[in-house]
Amino acid sequence: MKTELVTTLKRQATKILADLHDTKEPVLITEHGQPSAYLLDVDDYEMMQNRLKILEGISRGETAILEERILSHSQAKDKMRKWLK
């Protein structure tokens, strides 16, 4: 992963963004030697957000199973019937 100082980002934003689009490699921005932010390509960011939504759904499903908040197929179908018409 590429690392850039915030001052470099201020001075060379266009070049850094062009490199980001070419390589698709995230850029870690640092301030005073400390990590401050990540610069990501828009498509990569959106893909990560979609993956997080899927993982959160899986996690909620696993929690529901552990808490025994589950329905059989026919129970779920009956419950969803109003939306299936």
PDB file of N, CA and C in Angstrom:
ATOM      1  N   MET A   1       0.838  -1.170   0.000  1.00  0.00           N
ATOM      2  CA  MET A   1       0.000   0.000   0.000  1.00  0.00           C
ATOM      3  C   MET A   1       0.888   1.241   0.000  1.00  0.00           C
ATOM      4  N   LYS A   2       0.474   2.183  -0.781  1.00  0.00           N
ATOM      5  CA  LYS A   2       1.225   3.432  -0.901  1.00  0.00           C
ATOM      6  C   LYS A   2       0.879   4.340   0.285  1.00  0.00           C
ATOM      7  N   THR A   3       1.862   5.082   0.768  1.00  0.00           N
ATOM      8  CA  THR A   3       1.662   6.037   1.863  1.00  0.00           C
ATOM      9  C   THR A   3       2.111   7.410   1.399  1.00  0.00           C
ATOM     10  N   GLU A   4       1.306   8.410   1.698  1.00  0.00           N
ATOM     11  CA  GLU A   4       1.632   9.795   1.332  1.00  0.00           C
ATOM     12  C   GLU A   4       1.376  10.715   2.514  1.00  0.00           C
ATOM     13  N   LEU A   5       2.191  11.741   2.602  1.00  0.00           N
ATOM     14  CA  LEU A   5       1.973  12.785   3.599  1.00  0.00           C
ATOM     15  C   LEU A   5       0.795  13.649   3.162  1.00  0.00           C
ATOM     16  N   VAL A   6       0.072  14.194   4.111  1.00  0.00           N
ATOM     17  CA  VAL A   6      -1.057  15.063   3.773  1.00  0.00           C
ATOM     18  C   VAL A   6      -0.573  16.284   2.985  1.00  0.00           C
ATOM     19  N   THR A   7       0.616  16.761   3.284  1.00  0.00           N
ATOM     20  CA  THR A   7       1.143  17.908   2.533  1.00  0.00           C
ATOM     21  C   THR A   7       1.421  17.529   1.080  1.00  0.00           C
ATOM     22  N   THR A   8       1.873  16.301   0.840  1.00  0.00           N
ATOM     23  CA  THR A   8       2.074  15.827  -0.535  1.00  0.00           C
ATOM     24  C   THR A   8       0.736  15.737  -1.251  1.00  0.00           C
ATOM     25  N   LEU A   9      -0.274  15.264  -0.550  1.00  0.00           N
ATOM     26  CA  LEU A   9      -1.615  15.190  -1.138  1.00  0.00           C
ATOM     27  C   LEU A   9      -2.108  16.580  -1.534  1.00  0.00           C
ATOM     28  N   LYS A  10      -1.862  17.556  -0.680  1.00  0.00           N
ATOM     29  CA  LYS A  10      -2.279  18.929  -0.997  1.00  0.00           C
ATOM     30  C   LYS A  10      -1.590  19.453  -2.254  1.00  0.00           C
ATOM     31  N   ARG A  11      -0.311  19.142  -2.395  1.00  0.00           N
ATOM     32  CA  ARG A  11       0.468  19.663  -3.516  1.00  0.00           C
ATOM     33  C   ARG A  11       0.295  18.864  -4.802  1.00  0.00           C
ATOM     34  N   GLN A  12       0.057  17.566  -4.668  1.00  0.00           N
ATOM     35  CA  GLN A  12       0.052  16.697  -5.852  1.00  0.00           C
ATOM     36  C   GLN A  12      -1.218  15.851  -5.947  1.00  0.00           C
ATOM     37  N   ALA A  13      -2.338  16.433  -5.584  1.00  0.00           N
ATOM     38  CA  ALA A  13      -3.592  15.677  -5.558  1.00  0.00           C
ATOM     39  C   ALA A  13      -3.920  15.052  -6.913  1.00  0.00           C
ATOM     40  N   THR A  14      -3.764  15.805  -7.967  1.00  0.00           N
ATOM     41  CA  THR A  14      -4.099  15.293  -9.297  1.00  0.00           C
ATOM     42  C   THR A  14      -3.249  14.076  -9.654  1.00  0.00           C
ATOM     43  N   LYS A  15      -1.958  14.144  -9.396  1.00  0.00           N
ATOM     44  CA  LYS A  15      -1.060  13.017  -9.691  1.00  0.00           C
ATOM     45  C   LYS A  15      -1.396  11.812  -8.818  1.00  0.00           C
ATOM     46  N   ILE A  16      -1.629  12.047  -7.535  1.00  0.00           N
ATOM     47  CA  ILE A  16      -1.947  10.940  -6.620  1.00  0.00           C
ATOM     48  C   ILE A  16      -3.251  10.270  -7.032  1.00  0.00           C
ATOM     49  N   LEU A  17      -4.240  11.067  -7.410  1.00  0.00           N
ATOM     50  CA  LEU A  17      -5.510  10.495  -7.862  1.00  0.00           C
ATOM     51  C   LEU A  17      -5.336   9.725  -9.168  1.00  0.00           C
ATOM     52  N   ALA A  18      -4.535  10.232 -10.075  1.00  0.00           N
ATOM     53  CA  ALA A  18      -4.285   9.523 -11.335  1.00  0.00           C
ATOM     54  C   ALA A  18      -3.614   8.178 -11.063  1.00  0.00           C
ATOM     55  N   ASP A  19      -2.631   8.169 -10.175  1.00  0.00           N
ATOM     56  CA  ASP A  19      -1.960   6.916  -9.803  1.00  0.00           C
ATOM     57  C   ASP A  19      -2.950   5.950  -9.154  1.00  0.00           C
ATOM     58  N   LEU A  20      -3.805   6.478  -8.312  1.00  0.00           N
ATOM     59  CA  LEU A  20      -4.819   5.663  -7.632  1.00  0.00           C
ATOM     60  C   LEU A  20      -5.734   4.991  -8.653  1.00  0.00           C
ATOM     61  N   HIS A  21      -6.185   5.744  -9.639  1.00  0.00           N
ATOM     62  CA  HIS A  21      -7.067   5.186 -10.662  1.00  0.00           C
ATOM     63  C   HIS A  21      -6.349   4.159 -11.532  1.00  0.00           C
ATOM     64  N   ASP A  22      -5.068   4.389 -11.776  1.00  0.00           N
ATOM     65  CA  ASP A  22      -4.283   3.456 -12.600  1.00  0.00           C
ATOM     66  C   ASP A  22      -3.987   2.147 -11.869  1.00  0.00           C
ATOM     67  N   THR A  23      -3.571   2.252 -10.615  1.00  0.00           N
ATOM     68  CA  THR A  23      -3.116   1.075  -9.875  1.00  0.00           C
ATOM     69  C   THR A  23      -4.214   0.420  -9.041  1.00  0.00           C
ATOM     70  N   LYS A  24      -5.260   1.179  -8.723  1.00  0.00           N
ATOM     71  CA  LYS A  24      -6.341   0.702  -7.830  1.00  0.00           C
ATOM     72  C   LYS A  24      -5.806   0.377  -6.438  1.00  0.00           C
ATOM     73  N   GLU A  25      -4.622   0.865  -6.123  1.00  0.00           N
ATOM     74  CA  GLU A  25      -4.011   0.613  -4.823  1.00  0.00           C
ATOM     75  C   GLU A  25      -4.389   1.727  -3.854  1.00  0.00           C
ATOM     76  N   PRO A  26      -4.978   1.397  -2.694  1.00  0.00           N
ATOM     77  CA  PRO A  26      -5.333   2.436  -1.719  1.00  0.00           C
ATOM     78  C   PRO A  26      -4.099   3.231  -1.287  1.00  0.00           C
ATOM     79  N   VAL A  27      -4.326   4.458  -0.881  1.00  0.00           N
ATOM     80  CA  VAL A  27      -3.246   5.327  -0.413  1.00  0.00           C
ATOM     81  C   VAL A  27      -3.534   5.695   1.038  1.00  0.00           C
ATOM     82  N   LEU A  28      -2.577   5.434   1.903  1.00  0.00           N
ATOM     83  CA  LEU A  28      -2.681   5.831   3.302  1.00  0.00           C
ATOM     84  C   LEU A  28      -2.144   7.247   3.424  1.00  0.00           C
ATOM     85  N   ILE A  29      -2.963   8.142   3.937  1.00  0.00           N
ATOM     86  CA  ILE A  29      -2.552   9.536   4.142  1.00  0.00           C
ATOM     87  C   ILE A  29      -2.154   9.695   5.609  1.00  0.00           C
ATOM     88  N   THR A  30      -0.972  10.271   5.831  1.00  0.00           N
ATOM     89  CA  THR A  30      -0.503  10.474   7.201  1.00  0.00           C
ATOM     90  C   THR A  30      -0.382  11.961   7.516  1.00  0.00           C
ATOM     91  N   GLU A  31      -0.604  12.267   8.779  1.00  0.00           N
ATOM     92  CA  GLU A  31      -0.395  13.622   9.314  1.00  0.00           C
ATOM     93  C   GLU A  31       0.506  13.493  10.532  1.00  0.00           C
ATOM     94  N   HIS A  32       1.554  14.248  10.560  1.00  0.00           N
ATOM     95  CA  HIS A  32       2.496  14.229  11.687  1.00  0.00           C
ATOM     96  C   HIS A  32       2.969  12.811  11.988  1.00  0.00           C
ATOM     97  N   GLY A  33       3.171  12.015  10.921  1.00  0.00           N
ATOM     98  CA  GLY A  33       3.675  10.660  11.079  1.00  0.00           C
ATOM     99  C   GLY A  33       2.640   9.632  11.505  1.00  0.00           C
ATOM    100  N   GLN A  34       1.394  10.050  11.656  1.00  0.00           N
ATOM    101  CA  GLN A  34       0.333   9.145  12.099  1.00  0.00           C
ATOM    102  C   GLN A  34      -0.684   8.912  10.981  1.00  0.00           C
ATOM    103  N   PRO A  35      -1.225   7.704  10.861  1.00  0.00           N
ATOM    104  CA  PRO A  35      -2.265   7.452   9.865  1.00  0.00           C
ATOM    105  C   PRO A  35      -3.454   8.383  10.088  1.00  0.00           C
ATOM    106  N   SER A  36      -3.962   8.945   9.021  1.00  0.00           N
ATOM    107  CA  SER A  36      -5.067   9.890   9.127  1.00  0.00           C
ATOM    108  C   SER A  36      -6.283   9.465   8.311  1.00  0.00           C
ATOM    109  N   ALA A  37      -6.051   8.941   7.099  1.00  0.00           N
ATOM    110  CA  ALA A  37      -7.163   8.567   6.224  1.00  0.00           C
ATOM    111  C   ALA A  37      -6.659   7.639   5.132  1.00  0.00           C
ATOM    112  N   TYR A  38      -7.602   6.943   4.522  1.00  0.00           N
ATOM    113  CA  TYR A  38      -7.306   6.143   3.340  1.00  0.00           C
ATOM    114  C   TYR A  38      -7.979   6.783   2.141  1.00  0.00           C
ATOM    115  N   LEU A  39      -7.287   6.783   1.040  1.00  0.00           N
ATOM    116  CA  LEU A  39      -7.817   7.269  -0.217  1.00  0.00           C
ATOM    117  C   LEU A  39      -8.055   6.030  -1.079  1.00  0.00           C
ATOM    118  N   LEU A  40      -9.328   5.828  -1.481  1.00  0.00           N
ATOM    119  CA  LEU A  40      -9.708   4.639  -2.242  1.00  0.00           C
ATOM    120  C   LEU A  40     -10.376   5.023  -3.540  1.00  0.00           C
ATOM    121  N   ASP A  41     -10.239   4.171  -4.530  1.00  0.00           N
ATOM    122  CA  ASP A  41     -10.979   4.305  -5.770  1.00  0.00           C
ATOM    123  C   ASP A  41     -12.469   4.128  -5.469  1.00  0.00           C
ATOM    124  N   VAL A  42     -13.326   4.878  -6.139  1.00  0.00           N
ATOM    125  CA  VAL A  42     -14.769   4.851  -5.887  1.00  0.00           C
ATOM    126  C   VAL A  42     -15.332   3.441  -6.061  1.00  0.00           C
ATOM    127  N   ASP A  43     -14.973   2.753  -7.136  1.00  0.00           N
ATOM    128  CA  ASP A  43     -15.489   1.406  -7.374  1.00  0.00           C
ATOM    129  C   ASP A  43     -15.078   0.449  -6.261  1.00  0.00           C
ATOM    130  N   ASP A  44     -13.838   0.552  -5.807  1.00  0.00           N
ATOM    131  CA  ASP A  44     -13.371  -0.306  -4.712  1.00  0.00           C
ATOM    132  C   ASP A  44     -14.125  -0.009  -3.422  1.00  0.00           C
ATOM    133  N   TYR A  45     -14.348   1.263  -3.139  1.00  0.00           N
ATOM    134  CA  TYR A  45     -15.088   1.642  -1.936  1.00  0.00           C
ATOM    135  C   TYR A  45     -16.509   1.085  -1.979  1.00  0.00           C
ATOM    136  N   GLU A  46     -17.186   1.248  -3.111  1.00  0.00           N
ATOM    137  CA  GLU A  46     -18.562   0.760  -3.236  1.00  0.00           C
ATOM    138  C   GLU A  46     -18.620  -0.759  -3.125  1.00  0.00           C
ATOM    139  N   MET A  47     -17.640  -1.453  -3.698  1.00  0.00           N
ATOM    140  CA  MET A  47     -17.582  -2.911  -3.585  1.00  0.00           C
ATOM    141  C   MET A  47     -17.401  -3.323  -2.119  1.00  0.00           C
ATOM    142  N   MET A  48     -16.537  -2.607  -1.396  1.00  0.00           N
ATOM    143  CA  MET A  48     -16.327  -2.905   0.021  1.00  0.00           C
ATOM    144  C   MET A  48     -17.607  -2.680   0.823  1.00  0.00           C
ATOM    145  N   GLN A  49     -18.330  -1.616   0.522  1.00  0.00           N
ATOM    146  CA  GLN A  49     -19.584  -1.347   1.222  1.00  0.00           C
ATOM    147  C   GLN A  49     -20.605  -2.455   0.958  1.00  0.00           C
ATOM    148  N   ASN A  50     -20.681  -2.917  -0.281  1.00  0.00           N
ATOM    149  CA  ASN A  50     -21.599  -4.012  -0.611  1.00  0.00           C
ATOM    150  C   ASN A  50     -21.211  -5.296   0.115  1.00  0.00           C
ATOM    151  N   ARG A  51     -19.922  -5.578   0.186  1.00  0.00           N
ATOM    152  CA  ARG A  51     -19.459  -6.768   0.906  1.00  0.00           C
ATOM    153  C   ARG A  51     -19.802  -6.663   2.386  1.00  0.00           C
ATOM    154  N   LEU A  52     -19.641  -5.481   2.962  1.00  0.00           N
ATOM    155  CA  LEU A  52     -19.986  -5.299   4.371  1.00  0.00           C
ATOM    156  C   LEU A  52     -21.462  -5.547   4.613  1.00  0.00           C
ATOM    157  N   LYS A  53     -22.326  -5.076   3.711  1.00  0.00           N
ATOM    158  CA  LYS A  53     -23.768  -5.316   3.858  1.00  0.00           C
ATOM    159  C   LYS A  53     -24.072  -6.804   3.843  1.00  0.00           C
ATOM    160  N   ILE A  54     -23.427  -7.539   2.944  1.00  0.00           N
ATOM    161  CA  ILE A  54     -23.633  -8.991   2.865  1.00  0.00           C
ATOM    162  C   ILE A  54     -23.166  -9.656   4.156  1.00  0.00           C
ATOM    163  N   LEU A  55     -21.982  -9.279   4.632  1.00  0.00           N
ATOM    164  CA  LEU A  55     -21.456  -9.868   5.870  1.00  0.00           C
ATOM    165  C   LEU A  55     -22.334  -9.536   7.066  1.00  0.00           C
ATOM    166  N   GLU A  56     -22.874  -8.315   7.117  1.00  0.00           N
ATOM    167  CA  GLU A  56     -23.773  -7.949   8.213  1.00  0.00           C
ATOM    168  C   GLU A  56     -25.051  -8.790   8.165  1.00  0.00           C
ATOM    169  N   GLY A  57     -25.558  -9.048   6.965  1.00  0.00           N
ATOM    170  CA  GLY A  57     -26.737  -9.892   6.822  1.00  0.00           C
ATOM    171  C   GLY A  57     -26.466 -11.314   7.287  1.00  0.00           C
ATOM    172  N   ILE A  58     -25.311 -11.848   6.924  1.00  0.00           N
ATOM    173  CA  ILE A  58     -24.926 -13.187   7.370  1.00  0.00           C
ATOM    174  C   ILE A  58     -24.822 -13.220   8.887  1.00  0.00           C
ATOM    175  N   SER A  59     -24.215 -12.194   9.458  1.00  0.00           N
ATOM    176  CA  SER A  59     -24.057 -12.123  10.911  1.00  0.00           C
ATOM    177  C   SER A  59     -25.412 -12.072  11.615  1.00  0.00           C
ATOM    178  N   ARG A  60     -26.336 -11.274  11.073  1.00  0.00           N
ATOM    179  CA  ARG A  60     -27.684 -11.214  11.669  1.00  0.00           C
ATOM    180  C   ARG A  60     -28.373 -12.571  11.577  1.00  0.00           C
ATOM    181  N   GLY A  61     -28.184 -13.251  10.444  1.00  0.00           N
ATOM    182  CA  GLY A  61     -28.768 -14.579  10.286  1.00  0.00           C
ATOM    183  C   GLY A  61     -28.197 -15.580  11.274  1.00  0.00           C
ATOM    184  N   GLU A  62     -26.888 -15.551  11.465  1.00  0.00           N
ATOM    185  CA  GLU A  62     -26.257 -16.457  12.432  1.00  0.00           C
ATOM    186  C   GLU A  62     -26.742 -16.173  13.845  1.00  0.00           C
ATOM    187  N   THR A  63     -26.889 -14.893  14.174  1.00  0.00           N
ATOM    188  CA  THR A  63     -27.393 -14.519  15.495  1.00  0.00           C
ATOM    189  C   THR A  63     -28.824 -15.009  15.681  1.00  0.00           C
ATOM    190  N   ALA A  64     -29.652 -14.862  14.649  1.00  0.00           N
ATOM    191  CA  ALA A  64     -31.044 -15.332  14.722  1.00  0.00           C
ATOM    192  C   ALA A  64     -31.088 -16.836  14.949  1.00  0.00           C
ATOM    193  N   ILE A  65     -30.204 -17.566  14.292  1.00  0.00           N
ATOM    194  CA  ILE A  65     -30.172 -19.025  14.478  1.00  0.00           C
ATOM    195  C   ILE A  65     -29.777 -19.365  15.907  1.00  0.00           C
ATOM    196  N   LEU A  66     -28.744 -18.691  16.422  1.00  0.00           N
ATOM    197  CA  LEU A  66     -28.300 -18.951  17.800  1.00  0.00           C
ATOM    198  C   LEU A  66     -29.386 -18.623  18.816  1.00  0.00           C
ATOM    199  N   GLU A  67     -30.174 -17.591  18.530  1.00  0.00           N
ATOM    200  CA  GLU A  67     -31.255 -17.174  19.436  1.00  0.00           C
ATOM    201  C   GLU A  67     -32.561 -17.900  19.129  1.00  0.00           C
ATOM    202  N   GLU A  68     -32.496 -18.854  18.212  1.00  0.00           N
ATOM    203  CA  GLU A  68     -33.640 -19.656  17.801  1.00  0.00           C
ATOM    204  C   GLU A  68     -34.802 -18.806  17.299  1.00  0.00           C
ATOM    205  N   ARG A  69     -34.475 -17.723  16.622  1.00  0.00           N
ATOM    206  CA  ARG A  69     -35.496 -16.887  15.981  1.00  0.00           C
ATOM    207  C   ARG A  69     -35.557 -17.276  14.511  1.00  0.00           C
ATOM    208  N   ILE A  70     -36.025 -18.475  14.263  1.00  0.00           N
ATOM    209  CA  ILE A  70     -36.065 -19.002  12.904  1.00  0.00           C
ATOM    210  C   ILE A  70     -37.464 -19.501  12.574  1.00  0.00           C
ATOM    211  N   LEU A  71     -37.766 -19.566  11.295  1.00  0.00           N
ATOM    212  CA  LEU A  71     -39.051 -20.060  10.815  1.00  0.00           C
ATOM    213  C   LEU A  71     -38.809 -21.170   9.803  1.00  0.00           C
ATOM    214  N   SER A  72     -39.762 -22.057   9.712  1.00  0.00           N
ATOM    215  CA  SER A  72     -39.692 -23.050   8.644  1.00  0.00           C
ATOM    216  C   SER A  72     -40.027 -22.351   7.325  1.00  0.00           C
ATOM    217  N   HIS A  73     -39.786 -23.049   6.230  1.00  0.00           N
ATOM    218  CA  HIS A  73     -40.080 -22.462   4.921  1.00  0.00           C
ATOM    219  C   HIS A  73     -41.560 -22.092   4.816  1.00  0.00           C
ATOM    220  N   SER A  74     -42.431 -22.998   5.234  1.00  0.00           N
ATOM    221  CA  SER A  74     -43.876 -22.717   5.127  1.00  0.00           C
ATOM    222  C   SER A  74     -44.296 -21.579   6.055  1.00  0.00           C
ATOM    223  N   GLN A  75     -43.712 -21.496   7.245  1.00  0.00           N
ATOM    224  CA  GLN A  75     -44.019 -20.384   8.153  1.00  0.00           C
ATOM    225  C   GLN A  75     -43.572 -19.054   7.549  1.00  0.00           C
ATOM    226  N   ALA A  76     -42.400 -19.042   6.978  1.00  0.00           N
ATOM    227  CA  ALA A  76     -41.891 -17.813   6.359  1.00  0.00           C
ATOM    228  C   ALA A  76     -42.757 -17.423   5.169  1.00  0.00           C
ATOM    229  N   LYS A  77     -43.151 -18.409   4.379  1.00  0.00           N
ATOM    230  CA  LYS A  77     -43.998 -18.150   3.213  1.00  0.00           C
ATOM    231  C   LYS A  77     -45.345 -17.567   3.642  1.00  0.00           C
ATOM    232  N   ASP A  78     -45.933 -18.133   4.698  1.00  0.00           N
ATOM    233  CA  ASP A  78     -47.196 -17.599   5.218  1.00  0.00           C
ATOM    234  C   ASP A  78     -47.024 -16.166   5.721  1.00  0.00           C
ATOM    235  N   LYS A  79     -45.953 -15.924   6.407  1.00  0.00           N
ATOM    236  CA  LYS A  79     -45.687 -14.591   6.947  1.00  0.00           C
ATOM    237  C   LYS A  79     -45.449 -13.567   5.839  1.00  0.00           C
ATOM    238  N   MET A  80     -44.844 -13.994   4.740  1.00  0.00           N
ATOM    239  CA  MET A  80     -44.514 -13.093   3.640  1.00  0.00           C
ATOM    240  C   MET A  80     -45.613 -13.024   2.571  1.00  0.00           C
ATOM    241  N   ARG A  81     -46.676 -13.802   2.750  1.00  0.00           N
ATOM    242  CA  ARG A  81     -47.705 -13.906   1.725  1.00  0.00           C
ATOM    243  C   ARG A  81     -48.224 -12.542   1.270  1.00  0.00           C
ATOM    244  N   LYS A  82     -48.370 -11.588   2.204  1.00  0.00           N
ATOM    245  CA  LYS A  82     -48.907 -10.268   1.842  1.00  0.00           C
ATOM    246  C   LYS A  82     -47.989  -9.538   0.863  1.00  0.00           C
ATOM    247  N   TRP A  83     -46.678  -9.843   0.887  1.00  0.00           N
ATOM    248  CA  TRP A  83     -45.747  -9.185  -0.041  1.00  0.00           C
ATOM    249  C   TRP A  83     -45.579  -9.973  -1.332  1.00  0.00           C
ATOM    250  N   LEU A  84     -45.974 -11.240  -1.316  1.00  0.00           N
ATOM    251  CA  LEU A  84     -45.778 -12.102  -2.482  1.00  0.00           C
ATOM    252  C   LEU A  84     -46.916 -12.041  -3.484  1.00  0.00           C
ATOM    253  N   LYS A  85     -48.003 -11.376  -3.137  1.00  0.00           N
ATOM    254  CA  LYS A  85     -49.162 -11.307  -4.033  1.00  0.00           C
ATOM    255  C   LYS A  85     -48.979 -10.262  -5.094  1.00  0.00           C
TER     256      LYS A  85
END
